[in-house]
Amino acid sequence: MESPDIVVRLAGMADADFALPIAAELEASANVRGTGIALPVYRYVI
């Protein structure tokens, strides 16, 4: 899985309190659906 720092940069978020739940969801999403980071990141960025 990508590191949380990469998730923070992709999501455009500097606030760790907001980024950490995103990282957790990305990891869960990748584990459950095998989609990696693309779908969850797009959902937060858009």
C-alpha atoms as a PDB file:
ATOM      1  CA  MET A   1       0.000   0.000   0.000  1.00  0.00           C
ATOM      2  CA  GLU A   2       1.118   3.555  -0.621  1.00  0.00           C
ATOM      3  CA  SER A   3       2.415   5.433   2.376  1.00  0.00           C
ATOM      4  CA  PRO A   4       0.175   8.004   4.093  1.00  0.00           C
ATOM      5  CA  ASP A   5       2.460  10.841   2.866  1.00  0.00           C
ATOM      6  CA  ILE A   6       1.689   9.921  -0.733  1.00  0.00           C
ATOM      7  CA  VAL A   7      -2.007   9.841   0.098  1.00  0.00           C
ATOM      8  CA  VAL A   8      -1.748  13.316   1.638  1.00  0.00           C
ATOM      9  CA  ARG A   9      -0.063  14.692  -1.491  1.00  0.00           C
ATOM     10  CA  LEU A  10      -2.541  13.033  -3.853  1.00  0.00           C
ATOM     11  CA  ALA A  11      -5.519  14.281  -1.886  1.00  0.00           C
ATOM     12  CA  GLY A  12      -4.024  17.780  -1.721  1.00  0.00           C
ATOM     13  CA  MET A  13      -4.451  17.845   2.053  1.00  0.00           C
ATOM     14  CA  ALA A  14      -1.881  19.185   4.506  1.00  0.00           C
ATOM     15  CA  ASP A  15      -4.041  18.470   7.556  1.00  0.00           C
ATOM     16  CA  ALA A  16      -3.086  15.088   8.973  1.00  0.00           C
ATOM     17  CA  ASP A  17      -6.330  14.870  10.933  1.00  0.00           C
ATOM     18  CA  PHE A  18      -8.213  14.876   7.659  1.00  0.00           C
ATOM     19  CA  ALA A  19      -5.659  12.871   5.677  1.00  0.00           C
ATOM     20  CA  LEU A  20      -5.336   9.918   8.044  1.00  0.00           C
ATOM     21  CA  PRO A  21      -8.968   8.788   7.643  1.00  0.00           C
ATOM     22  CA  ILE A  22      -8.474   9.066   3.874  1.00  0.00           C
ATOM     23  CA  ALA A  23      -5.380   6.862   4.140  1.00  0.00           C
ATOM     24  CA  ALA A  24      -7.334   4.326   6.180  1.00  0.00           C
ATOM     25  CA  GLU A  25     -10.166   4.293   3.666  1.00  0.00           C
ATOM     26  CA  LEU A  26      -7.743   3.974   0.755  1.00  0.00           C
ATOM     27  CA  GLU A  27      -6.131   0.978   2.391  1.00  0.00           C
ATOM     28  CA  ALA A  28      -9.493  -0.619   3.135  1.00  0.00           C
ATOM     29  CA  SER A  29     -10.683   0.098  -0.398  1.00  0.00           C
ATOM     30  CA  ALA A  30      -7.571  -1.447  -1.930  1.00  0.00           C
ATOM     31  CA  ASN A  31      -7.887  -4.492   0.313  1.00  0.00           C
ATOM     32  CA  VAL A  32     -11.574  -5.062  -0.311  1.00  0.00           C
ATOM     33  CA  ARG A  33     -12.051  -4.128  -3.945  1.00  0.00           C
ATOM     34  CA  GLY A  34      -8.516  -4.358  -5.330  1.00  0.00           C
ATOM     35  CA  THR A  35      -8.927  -0.917  -6.931  1.00  0.00           C
ATOM     36  CA  GLY A  36      -5.833   0.604  -5.387  1.00  0.00           C
ATOM     37  CA  ILE A  37      -5.972   4.333  -4.676  1.00  0.00           C
ATOM     38  CA  ALA A  38      -7.664   5.689  -7.794  1.00  0.00           C
ATOM     39  CA  LEU A  39     -11.351   5.676  -6.854  1.00  0.00           C
ATOM     40  CA  PRO A  40     -11.075   6.907  -3.249  1.00  0.00           C
ATOM     41  CA  VAL A  41      -8.597   9.653  -4.168  1.00  0.00           C
ATOM     42  CA  TYR A  42     -10.791  10.933  -6.977  1.00  0.00           C
ATOM     43  CA  ARG A  43     -13.776  10.961  -4.638  1.00  0.00           C
ATOM     44  CA  TYR A  44     -11.948  13.251  -2.188  1.00  0.00           C
ATOM     45  CA  VAL A  45     -10.241  15.469  -4.763  1.00  0.00           C
ATOM     46  CA  ILE A  46     -13.282  16.220  -6.892  1.00  0.00           C
END
